[in-house]
Amino acid sequence: MNKENTGKLWKIIQEAGDYLLGQLPDHPNHPKGRNPYAHVAICVKNKFNASYKDIPDENFDDVLKYIEFLKQNPN
């Protein structure tokens, strides 16, 4: 992904993390609470089989849609 899109995407991941703060369900592996920023980044990485920086530019809109899905479906 080009530098401009990488920057935009990182900001959107941070905003999604802010939105999800306190909304993720409890998990026994995270007794002090879950990190919503890491959650979004890991979900994107798992869905697209690449770090957000390494996803092709042509998938930018798909990543945005997926992040919006994560915000609406905290798990």
C-alpha atoms as a PDB file:
ATOM      1  CA  MET A   1       0.000   0.000   0.000  1.00  0.00           C
ATOM      2  CA  ASN A   2       1.320   3.452  -0.806  1.00  0.00           C
ATOM      3  CA  LYS A   3       2.412   5.778   1.974  1.00  0.00           C
ATOM      4  CA  GLU A   4      -0.656   8.039   1.725  1.00  0.00           C
ATOM      5  CA  ASN A   5      -3.126   5.135   2.000  1.00  0.00           C
ATOM      6  CA  THR A   6      -1.090   3.554   4.788  1.00  0.00           C
ATOM      7  CA  GLY A   7      -1.354   6.761   6.806  1.00  0.00           C
ATOM      8  CA  LYS A   8      -5.096   7.062   6.180  1.00  0.00           C
ATOM      9  CA  LEU A   9      -5.665   3.441   7.097  1.00  0.00           C
ATOM     10  CA  TRP A  10      -3.672   3.691  10.336  1.00  0.00           C
ATOM     11  CA  LYS A  11      -5.741   6.706  11.382  1.00  0.00           C
ATOM     12  CA  ILE A  12      -8.959   4.784  10.620  1.00  0.00           C
ATOM     13  CA  ILE A  13      -7.695   1.790  12.643  1.00  0.00           C
ATOM     14  CA  GLN A  14      -7.000   4.123  15.572  1.00  0.00           C
ATOM     15  CA  GLU A  15     -10.461   5.695  15.291  1.00  0.00           C
ATOM     16  CA  ALA A  16     -12.043   2.227  15.219  1.00  0.00           C
ATOM     17  CA  GLY A  17     -10.039   1.311  18.331  1.00  0.00           C
ATOM     18  CA  ASP A  18     -11.293   4.463  20.047  1.00  0.00           C
ATOM     19  CA  TYR A  19     -14.858   3.532  19.088  1.00  0.00           C
ATOM     20  CA  LEU A  20     -14.487  -0.046  20.372  1.00  0.00           C
ATOM     21  CA  LEU A  21     -12.886   0.964  23.672  1.00  0.00           C
ATOM     22  CA  GLY A  22     -14.828  -0.826  26.410  1.00  0.00           C
ATOM     23  CA  GLN A  23     -17.098  -2.665  23.939  1.00  0.00           C
ATOM     24  CA  LEU A  24     -15.146  -5.871  23.353  1.00  0.00           C
ATOM     25  CA  PRO A  25     -16.396  -8.813  25.405  1.00  0.00           C
ATOM     26  CA  ASP A  26     -14.287 -10.150  28.264  1.00  0.00           C
ATOM     27  CA  HIS A  27     -11.867 -12.931  27.476  1.00  0.00           C
ATOM     28  CA  PRO A  28      -9.971 -15.190  29.901  1.00  0.00           C
ATOM     29  CA  ASN A  29      -6.668 -14.516  28.088  1.00  0.00           C
ATOM     30  CA  HIS A  30      -7.065 -10.780  28.764  1.00  0.00           C
ATOM     31  CA  PRO A  31      -7.889 -10.372  32.469  1.00  0.00           C
ATOM     32  CA  LYS A  32      -7.142  -6.629  32.406  1.00  0.00           C
ATOM     33  CA  GLY A  33      -9.321  -6.039  29.346  1.00  0.00           C
ATOM     34  CA  ARG A  34      -8.851  -6.318  25.632  1.00  0.00           C
ATOM     35  CA  ASN A  35      -6.886  -3.845  23.522  1.00  0.00           C
ATOM     36  CA  PRO A  36      -9.308  -2.638  20.809  1.00  0.00           C
ATOM     37  CA  TYR A  37      -6.516  -1.164  18.664  1.00  0.00           C
ATOM     38  CA  ALA A  38      -4.680  -4.476  18.519  1.00  0.00           C
ATOM     39  CA  HIS A  39      -7.993  -6.240  17.939  1.00  0.00           C
ATOM     40  CA  VAL A  40      -8.724  -4.193  14.804  1.00  0.00           C
ATOM     41  CA  ALA A  41      -5.164  -4.540  13.465  1.00  0.00           C
ATOM     42  CA  ILE A  42      -5.094  -8.312  14.062  1.00  0.00           C
ATOM     43  CA  CYS A  43      -8.526  -8.826  12.512  1.00  0.00           C
ATOM     44  CA  VAL A  44      -7.456  -6.888   9.400  1.00  0.00           C
ATOM     45  CA  LYS A  45      -4.245  -8.909   9.214  1.00  0.00           C
ATOM     46  CA  ASN A  46      -6.125 -12.209   9.537  1.00  0.00           C
ATOM     47  CA  LYS A  47      -8.819 -11.246   7.014  1.00  0.00           C
ATOM     48  CA  PHE A  48      -6.433  -9.980   4.323  1.00  0.00           C
ATOM     49  CA  ASN A  49      -3.466 -12.263   5.117  1.00  0.00           C
ATOM     50  CA  ALA A  50      -1.170  -9.256   5.380  1.00  0.00           C
ATOM     51  CA  SER A  51      -0.309  -6.372   7.647  1.00  0.00           C
ATOM     52  CA  TYR A  52      -2.383  -3.283   6.846  1.00  0.00           C
ATOM     53  CA  LYS A  53       0.787  -1.757   5.322  1.00  0.00           C
ATOM     54  CA  ASP A  54       1.198  -4.692   2.926  1.00  0.00           C
ATOM     55  CA  ILE A  55      -2.371  -4.898   1.595  1.00  0.00           C
ATOM     56  CA  PRO A  56      -2.587  -3.820  -2.072  1.00  0.00           C
ATOM     57  CA  ASP A  57      -3.989  -0.346  -2.750  1.00  0.00           C
ATOM     58  CA  GLU A  58      -6.838  -1.800  -4.798  1.00  0.00           C
ATOM     59  CA  ASN A  59      -8.170  -3.424  -1.590  1.00  0.00           C
ATOM     60  CA  PHE A  60      -8.300  -0.123   0.336  1.00  0.00           C
ATOM     61  CA  ASP A  61     -12.104   0.177   0.124  1.00  0.00           C
ATOM     62  CA  ASP A  62     -12.546  -3.466   1.150  1.00  0.00           C
ATOM     63  CA  VAL A  63     -10.415  -2.845   4.242  1.00  0.00           C
ATOM     64  CA  LEU A  64     -12.503   0.219   5.134  1.00  0.00           C
ATOM     65  CA  LYS A  65     -15.709  -1.807   4.805  1.00  0.00           C
ATOM     66  CA  TYR A  66     -14.255  -4.564   6.982  1.00  0.00           C
ATOM     67  CA  ILE A  67     -13.204  -2.095   9.691  1.00  0.00           C
ATOM     68  CA  GLU A  68     -16.724  -0.666   9.674  1.00  0.00           C
ATOM     69  CA  PHE A  69     -18.043  -4.238  10.034  1.00  0.00           C
ATOM     70  CA  LEU A  70     -15.762  -4.741  13.059  1.00  0.00           C
ATOM     71  CA  LYS A  71     -17.097  -1.572  14.659  1.00  0.00           C
ATOM     72  CA  GLN A  72     -20.667  -2.727  14.228  1.00  0.00           C
ATOM     73  CA  ASN A  73     -19.914  -6.297  15.401  1.00  0.00           C
ATOM     74  CA  PRO A  74     -17.512  -6.180  18.373  1.00  0.00           C
ATOM     75  CA  ASN A  75     -16.448  -9.667  19.355  1.00  0.00           C
END
